[in-house]
Amino acid sequence: MGREGYISDEQVIKRVNEAVRLELEKRKAMDAPVIVYDRETQRIYRENSDGSRVEVGQRMRKGHYSERITEKA
């Protein structure tokens, strides 16, 4: 398969974003909660279809996994 058979990175990102949007709409229609991560507060929330948010946790570690491994070595 040559390069002409591949899609661009922009198309992949667009498709992933659309898939996530559709899944969130589906869950809202089914009245199912969604787990959301807030980057600003670094907290994890369960968001109900009515828009209410309940905190379920917070970020445990900072940095990438590979960075944490090299610190230990």
PDB file of N, CA and C in Angstrom:
ATOM      1  N   MET A   1       0.853  -1.174   0.000  1.00  0.00           N
ATOM      2  CA  MET A   1       0.000   0.000   0.000  1.00  0.00           C
ATOM      3  C   MET A   1       0.897   1.236   0.000  1.00  0.00           C
ATOM      4  N   GLY A   2       0.718   2.092  -0.953  1.00  0.00           N
ATOM      5  CA  GLY A   2       1.531   3.291  -1.074  1.00  0.00           C
ATOM      6  C   GLY A   2       1.036   4.405  -0.174  1.00  0.00           C
ATOM      7  N   ARG A   3       1.763   5.488  -0.168  1.00  0.00           N
ATOM      8  CA  ARG A   3       1.400   6.650   0.655  1.00  0.00           C
ATOM      9  C   ARG A   3       0.068   7.256   0.241  1.00  0.00           C
ATOM     10  N   GLU A   4      -0.335   7.057  -1.006  1.00  0.00           N
ATOM     11  CA  GLU A   4      -1.591   7.643  -1.458  1.00  0.00           C
ATOM     12  C   GLU A   4      -2.802   7.001  -0.776  1.00  0.00           C
ATOM     13  N   GLY A   5      -2.621   5.848  -0.139  1.00  0.00           N
ATOM     14  CA  GLY A   5      -3.706   5.171   0.551  1.00  0.00           C
ATOM     15  C   GLY A   5      -3.934   5.659   1.971  1.00  0.00           C
ATOM     16  N   TYR A   6      -3.016   6.440   2.499  1.00  0.00           N
ATOM     17  CA  TYR A   6      -3.113   6.930   3.868  1.00  0.00           C
ATOM     18  C   TYR A   6      -3.887   8.244   3.937  1.00  0.00           C
ATOM     19  N   ILE A   7      -4.444   8.517   5.110  1.00  0.00           N
ATOM     20  CA  ILE A   7      -5.093   9.811   5.310  1.00  0.00           C
ATOM     21  C   ILE A   7      -4.146  10.699   6.113  1.00  0.00           C
ATOM     22  N   SER A   8      -4.345  11.995   6.014  1.00  0.00           N
ATOM     23  CA  SER A   8      -3.445  12.939   6.684  1.00  0.00           C
ATOM     24  C   SER A   8      -3.717  12.968   8.193  1.00  0.00           C
ATOM     25  N   ASP A   9      -2.774  13.527   8.942  1.00  0.00           N
ATOM     26  CA  ASP A   9      -2.917  13.663  10.390  1.00  0.00           C
ATOM     27  C   ASP A   9      -4.121  14.535  10.739  1.00  0.00           C
ATOM     28  N   GLU A  10      -4.346  15.581   9.957  1.00  0.00           N
ATOM     29  CA  GLU A  10      -5.487  16.459  10.208  1.00  0.00           C
ATOM     30  C   GLU A  10      -6.806  15.700  10.073  1.00  0.00           C
ATOM     31  N   GLN A  11      -6.885  14.815   9.082  1.00  0.00           N
ATOM     32  CA  GLN A  11      -8.104  14.021   8.897  1.00  0.00           C
ATOM     33  C   GLN A  11      -8.303  13.040  10.048  1.00  0.00           C
ATOM     34  N   VAL A  12      -7.216  12.465  10.540  1.00  0.00           N
ATOM     35  CA  VAL A  12      -7.312  11.547  11.673  1.00  0.00           C
ATOM     36  C   VAL A  12      -7.825  12.286  12.902  1.00  0.00           C
ATOM     37  N   ILE A  13      -7.278  13.459  13.170  1.00  0.00           N
ATOM     38  CA  ILE A  13      -7.699  14.250  14.327  1.00  0.00           C
ATOM     39  C   ILE A  13      -9.161  14.642  14.198  1.00  0.00           C
ATOM     40  N   LYS A  14      -9.569  15.049  13.018  1.00  0.00           N
ATOM     41  CA  LYS A  14     -10.958  15.441  12.789  1.00  0.00           C
ATOM     42  C   LYS A  14     -11.899  14.259  13.037  1.00  0.00           C
ATOM     43  N   ARG A  15     -11.512  13.073  12.576  1.00  0.00           N
ATOM     44  CA  ARG A  15     -12.351  11.876  12.763  1.00  0.00           C
ATOM     45  C   ARG A  15     -12.432  11.467  14.233  1.00  0.00           C
ATOM     46  N   VAL A  16     -11.322  11.568  14.944  1.00  0.00           N
ATOM     47  CA  VAL A  16     -11.318  11.215  16.364  1.00  0.00           C
ATOM     48  C   VAL A  16     -12.199  12.180  17.153  1.00  0.00           C
ATOM     49  N   ASN A  17     -12.068  13.463  16.879  1.00  0.00           N
ATOM     50  CA  ASN A  17     -12.897  14.455  17.579  1.00  0.00           C
ATOM     51  C   ASN A  17     -14.378  14.226  17.308  1.00  0.00           C
ATOM     52  N   GLU A  18     -14.725  13.892  16.080  1.00  0.00           N
ATOM     53  CA  GLU A  18     -16.122  13.634  15.737  1.00  0.00           C
ATOM     54  C   GLU A  18     -16.628  12.369  16.432  1.00  0.00           C
ATOM     55  N   ALA A  19     -15.788  11.335  16.519  1.00  0.00           N
ATOM     56  CA  ALA A  19     -16.183  10.104  17.198  1.00  0.00           C
ATOM     57  C   ALA A  19     -16.441  10.359  18.681  1.00  0.00           C
ATOM     58  N   VAL A  20     -15.606  11.160  19.304  1.00  0.00           N
ATOM     59  CA  VAL A  20     -15.786  11.497  20.725  1.00  0.00           C
ATOM     60  C   VAL A  20     -17.065  12.301  20.909  1.00  0.00           C
ATOM     61  N   ARG A  21     -17.303  13.278  20.031  1.00  0.00           N
ATOM     62  CA  ARG A  21     -18.514  14.092  20.117  1.00  0.00           C
ATOM     63  C   ARG A  21     -19.774  13.222  19.990  1.00  0.00           C
ATOM     64  N   LEU A  22     -19.759  12.288  19.044  1.00  0.00           N
ATOM     65  CA  LEU A  22     -20.913  11.398  18.869  1.00  0.00           C
ATOM     66  C   LEU A  22     -21.133  10.508  20.091  1.00  0.00           C
ATOM     67  N   GLU A  23     -20.055  10.005  20.669  1.00  0.00           N
ATOM     68  CA  GLU A  23     -20.176   9.154  21.856  1.00  0.00           C
ATOM     69  C   GLU A  23     -20.741   9.939  23.035  1.00  0.00           C
ATOM     70  N   LEU A  24     -20.304  11.189  23.206  1.00  0.00           N
ATOM     71  CA  LEU A  24     -20.835  12.019  24.288  1.00  0.00           C
ATOM     72  C   LEU A  24     -22.322  12.311  24.080  1.00  0.00           C
ATOM     73  N   GLU A  25     -22.722  12.584  22.839  1.00  0.00           N
ATOM     74  CA  GLU A  25     -24.146  12.799  22.539  1.00  0.00           C
ATOM     75  C   GLU A  25     -24.955  11.538  22.819  1.00  0.00           C
ATOM     76  N   LYS A  26     -24.412  10.388  22.448  1.00  0.00           N
ATOM     77  CA  LYS A  26     -25.098   9.111  22.670  1.00  0.00           C
ATOM     78  C   LYS A  26     -25.298   8.863  24.160  1.00  0.00           C
ATOM     79  N   ARG A  27     -24.265   9.098  24.939  1.00  0.00           N
ATOM     80  CA  ARG A  27     -24.378   8.888  26.385  1.00  0.00           C
ATOM     81  C   ARG A  27     -25.370   9.858  27.020  1.00  0.00           C
ATOM     82  N   LYS A  28     -25.406  11.093  26.528  1.00  0.00           N
ATOM     83  CA  LYS A  28     -26.354  12.067  27.049  1.00  0.00           C
ATOM     84  C   LYS A  28     -27.782  11.629  26.722  1.00  0.00           C
ATOM     85  N   ALA A  29     -28.004  11.119  25.504  1.00  0.00           N
ATOM     86  CA  ALA A  29     -29.331  10.647  25.103  1.00  0.00           C
ATOM     87  C   ALA A  29     -29.754   9.417  25.906  1.00  0.00           C
ATOM     88  N   MET A  30     -28.780   8.582  26.287  1.00  0.00           N
ATOM     89  CA  MET A  30     -29.075   7.370  27.062  1.00  0.00           C
ATOM     90  C   MET A  30     -29.154   7.667  28.554  1.00  0.00           C
ATOM     91  N   ASP A  31     -28.948   8.909  28.943  1.00  0.00           N
ATOM     92  CA  ASP A  31     -28.960   9.334  30.337  1.00  0.00           C
ATOM     93  C   ASP A  31     -27.890   8.602  31.153  1.00  0.00           C
ATOM     94  N   ALA A  32     -26.720   8.408  30.521  1.00  0.00           N
ATOM     95  CA  ALA A  32     -25.596   7.736  31.174  1.00  0.00           C
ATOM     96  C   ALA A  32     -24.544   8.770  31.560  1.00  0.00           C
ATOM     97  N   PRO A  33     -23.898   8.625  32.718  1.00  0.00           N
ATOM     98  CA  PRO A  33     -22.863   9.585  33.119  1.00  0.00           C
ATOM     99  C   PRO A  33     -21.602   9.447  32.275  1.00  0.00           C
ATOM    100  N   VAL A  34     -20.833  10.519  32.223  1.00  0.00           N
ATOM    101  CA  VAL A  34     -19.581  10.570  31.481  1.00  0.00           C
ATOM    102  C   VAL A  34     -18.481  10.976  32.450  1.00  0.00           C
ATOM    103  N   ILE A  35     -17.316  10.364  32.327  1.00  0.00           N
ATOM    104  CA  ILE A  35     -16.167  10.734  33.146  1.00  0.00           C
ATOM    105  C   ILE A  35     -15.368  11.789  32.392  1.00  0.00           C
ATOM    106  N   VAL A  36     -15.090  12.925  33.046  1.00  0.00           N
ATOM    107  CA  VAL A  36     -14.431  14.061  32.414  1.00  0.00           C
ATOM    108  C   VAL A  36     -13.227  14.466  33.251  1.00  0.00           C
ATOM    109  N   TYR A  37     -12.112  14.767  32.579  1.00  0.00           N
ATOM    110  CA  TYR A  37     -10.915  15.263  33.250  1.00  0.00           C
ATOM    111  C   TYR A  37     -10.789  16.746  32.964  1.00  0.00           C
ATOM    112  N   ASP A  38     -10.680  17.552  34.006  1.00  0.00           N
ATOM    113  CA  ASP A  38     -10.521  18.995  33.876  1.00  0.00           C
ATOM    114  C   ASP A  38      -9.030  19.311  33.981  1.00  0.00           C
ATOM    115  N   ARG A  39      -8.439  19.768  32.900  1.00  0.00           N
ATOM    116  CA  ARG A  39      -6.994  20.030  32.877  1.00  0.00           C
ATOM    117  C   ARG A  39      -6.593  21.182  33.786  1.00  0.00           C
ATOM    118  N   GLU A  40      -7.460  22.166  33.930  1.00  0.00           N
ATOM    119  CA  GLU A  40      -7.105  23.331  34.743  1.00  0.00           C
ATOM    120  C   GLU A  40      -7.011  22.976  36.224  1.00  0.00           C
ATOM    121  N   THR A  41      -8.004  22.275  36.746  1.00  0.00           N
ATOM    122  CA  THR A  41      -8.011  21.922  38.163  1.00  0.00           C
ATOM    123  C   THR A  41      -7.349  20.574  38.430  1.00  0.00           C
ATOM    124  N   GLN A  42      -7.074  19.798  37.373  1.00  0.00           N
ATOM    125  CA  GLN A  42      -6.488  18.461  37.446  1.00  0.00           C
ATOM    126  C   GLN A  42      -7.328  17.541  38.316  1.00  0.00           C
ATOM    127  N   ARG A  43      -8.628  17.612  38.137  1.00  0.00           N
ATOM    128  CA  ARG A  43      -9.565  16.768  38.865  1.00  0.00           C
ATOM    129  C   ARG A  43     -10.407  15.961  37.878  1.00  0.00           C
ATOM    130  N   ILE A  44     -10.899  14.817  38.361  1.00  0.00           N
ATOM    131  CA  ILE A  44     -11.730  13.929  37.546  1.00  0.00           C
ATOM    132  C   ILE A  44     -13.156  14.031  38.057  1.00  0.00           C
ATOM    133  N   TYR A  45     -14.097  14.229  37.112  1.00  0.00           N
ATOM    134  CA  TYR A  45     -15.494  14.411  37.465  1.00  0.00           C
ATOM    135  C   TYR A  45     -16.370  13.387  36.755  1.00  0.00           C
ATOM    136  N   ARG A  46     -17.482  13.039  37.388  1.00  0.00           N
ATOM    137  CA  ARG A  46     -18.552  12.286  36.729  1.00  0.00           C
ATOM    138  C   ARG A  46     -19.623  13.313  36.385  1.00  0.00           C
ATOM    139  N   GLU A  47     -19.854  13.488  35.092  1.00  0.00           N
ATOM    140  CA  GLU A  47     -20.813  14.482  34.630  1.00  0.00           C
ATOM    141  C   GLU A  47     -22.088  13.772  34.196  1.00  0.00           C
ATOM    142  N   ASN A  48     -23.195  14.140  34.827  1.00  0.00           N
ATOM    143  CA  ASN A  48     -24.478  13.536  34.501  1.00  0.00           C
ATOM    144  C   ASN A  48     -25.103  14.234  33.308  1.00  0.00           C
ATOM    145  N   SER A  49     -26.124  13.613  32.727  1.00  0.00           N
ATOM    146  CA  SER A  49     -26.754  14.168  31.529  1.00  0.00           C
ATOM    147  C   SER A  49     -27.449  15.495  31.811  1.00  0.00           C
ATOM    148  N   ASP A  50     -27.795  15.766  33.076  1.00  0.00           N
ATOM    149  CA  ASP A  50     -28.435  17.044  33.407  1.00  0.00           C
ATOM    150  C   ASP A  50     -27.421  18.171  33.588  1.00  0.00           C
ATOM    151  N   GLY A  51     -26.114  17.860  33.470  1.00  0.00           N
ATOM    152  CA  GLY A  51     -25.068  18.870  33.570  1.00  0.00           C
ATOM    153  C   GLY A  51     -24.400  18.954  34.927  1.00  0.00           C
ATOM    154  N   SER A  52     -24.917  18.238  35.926  1.00  0.00           N
ATOM    155  CA  SER A  52     -24.304  18.283  37.256  1.00  0.00           C
ATOM    156  C   SER A  52     -22.996  17.494  37.252  1.00  0.00           C
ATOM    157  N   ARG A  53     -22.044  17.966  38.063  1.00  0.00           N
ATOM    158  CA  ARG A  53     -20.725  17.337  38.150  1.00  0.00           C
ATOM    159  C   ARG A  53     -20.457  16.888  39.573  1.00  0.00           C
ATOM    160  N   VAL A  54     -19.891  15.681  39.701  1.00  0.00           N
ATOM    161  CA  VAL A  54     -19.501  15.146  40.993  1.00  0.00           C
ATOM    162  C   VAL A  54     -18.027  14.761  40.890  1.00  0.00           C
ATOM    163  N   GLU A  55     -17.198  15.288  41.786  1.00  0.00           N
ATOM    164  CA  GLU A  55     -15.780  14.973  41.763  1.00  0.00           C
ATOM    165  C   GLU A  55     -15.574  13.533  42.227  1.00  0.00           C
ATOM    166  N   VAL A  56     -14.797  12.774  41.468  1.00  0.00           N
ATOM    167  CA  VAL A  56     -14.524  11.386  41.827  1.00  0.00           C
ATOM    168  C   VAL A  56     -13.046  11.139  42.119  1.00  0.00           C
ATOM    169  N   GLY A  57     -12.178  12.091  41.797  1.00  0.00           N
ATOM    170  CA  GLY A  57     -10.765  11.889  42.076  1.00  0.00           C
ATOM    171  C   GLY A  57      -9.933  13.056  41.599  1.00  0.00           C
ATOM    172  N   GLN A  58      -8.614  12.925  41.784  1.00  0.00           N
ATOM    173  CA  GLN A  58      -7.691  13.940  41.302  1.00  0.00           C
ATOM    174  C   GLN A  58      -6.451  13.260  40.758  1.00  0.00           C
ATOM    175  N   ARG A  59      -5.675  14.007  40.031  1.00  0.00           N
ATOM    176  CA  ARG A  59      -4.474  13.478  39.408  1.00  0.00           C
ATOM    177  C   ARG A  59      -3.489  13.044  40.481  1.00  0.00           C
ATOM    178  N   MET A  60      -2.931  11.849  40.298  1.00  0.00           N
ATOM    179  CA  MET A  60      -2.027  11.313  41.307  1.00  0.00           C
ATOM    180  C   MET A  60      -0.574  11.713  41.069  1.00  0.00           C
ATOM    181  N   ARG A  61      -0.156  11.718  39.803  1.00  0.00           N
ATOM    182  CA  ARG A  61       1.246  11.993  39.494  1.00  0.00           C
ATOM    183  C   ARG A  61       1.334  13.037  38.401  1.00  0.00           C
ATOM    184  N   LYS A  62       2.487  13.684  38.342  1.00  0.00           N
ATOM    185  CA  LYS A  62       2.747  14.641  37.278  1.00  0.00           C
ATOM    186  C   LYS A  62       3.846  14.091  36.388  1.00  0.00           C
ATOM    187  N   GLY A  63       3.846  14.504  35.136  1.00  0.00           N
ATOM    188  CA  GLY A  63       4.882  14.105  34.196  1.00  0.00           C
ATOM    189  C   GLY A  63       4.528  12.839  33.451  1.00  0.00           C
ATOM    190  N   HIS A  64       5.314  12.551  32.433  1.00  0.00           N
ATOM    191  CA  HIS A  64       5.129  11.357  31.630  1.00  0.00           C
ATOM    192  C   HIS A  64       5.720  10.149  32.357  1.00  0.00           C
ATOM    193  N   TYR A  65       5.230   8.977  32.018  1.00  0.00           N
ATOM    194  CA  TYR A  65       5.707   7.746  32.634  1.00  0.00           C
ATOM    195  C   TYR A  65       7.216   7.588  32.434  1.00  0.00           C
ATOM    196  N   SER A  66       7.693   7.845  31.218  1.00  0.00           N
ATOM    197  CA  SER A  66       9.122   7.676  30.941  1.00  0.00           C
ATOM    198  C   SER A  66       9.967   8.634  31.787  1.00  0.00           C
ATOM    199  N   GLU A  67       9.437   9.819  32.071  1.00  0.00           N
ATOM    200  CA  GLU A  67      10.170  10.755  32.910  1.00  0.00           C
ATOM    201  C   GLU A  67      10.256  10.272  34.346  1.00  0.00           C
ATOM    202  N   ARG A  68       9.183   9.674  34.853  1.00  0.00           N
ATOM    203  CA  ARG A  68       9.196   9.173  36.225  1.00  0.00           C
ATOM    204  C   ARG A  68      10.128   7.980  36.375  1.00  0.00           C
ATOM    205  N   ILE A  69      10.219   7.140  35.368  1.00  0.00           N
ATOM    206  CA  ILE A  69      11.091   5.961  35.421  1.00  0.00           C
ATOM    207  C   ILE A  69      12.557   6.391  35.461  1.00  0.00           C
ATOM    208  N   THR A  70      12.929   7.391  34.647  1.00  0.00           N
ATOM    209  CA  THR A  70      14.332   7.828  34.617  1.00  0.00           C
ATOM    210  C   THR A  70      14.727   8.499  35.916  1.00  0.00           C
ATOM    211  N   GLU A  71      13.782   9.118  36.638  1.00  0.00           N
ATOM    212  CA  GLU A  71      14.082   9.744  37.925  1.00  0.00           C
ATOM    213  C   GLU A  71      14.459   8.694  38.962  1.00  0.00           C
ATOM    214  N   LYS A  72      13.801   7.522  38.909  1.00  0.00           N
ATOM    215  CA  LYS A  72      14.065   6.464  39.880  1.00  0.00           C
ATOM    216  C   LYS A  72      15.412   5.800  39.637  1.00  0.00           C
ATOM    217  N   ALA A  73      15.840   5.720  38.386  1.00  0.00           N
ATOM    218  CA  ALA A  73      17.061   4.990  38.040  1.00  0.00           C
ATOM    219  C   ALA A  73      18.315   5.706  38.438  1.00  0.00           C
TER     220      ALA A  73
END
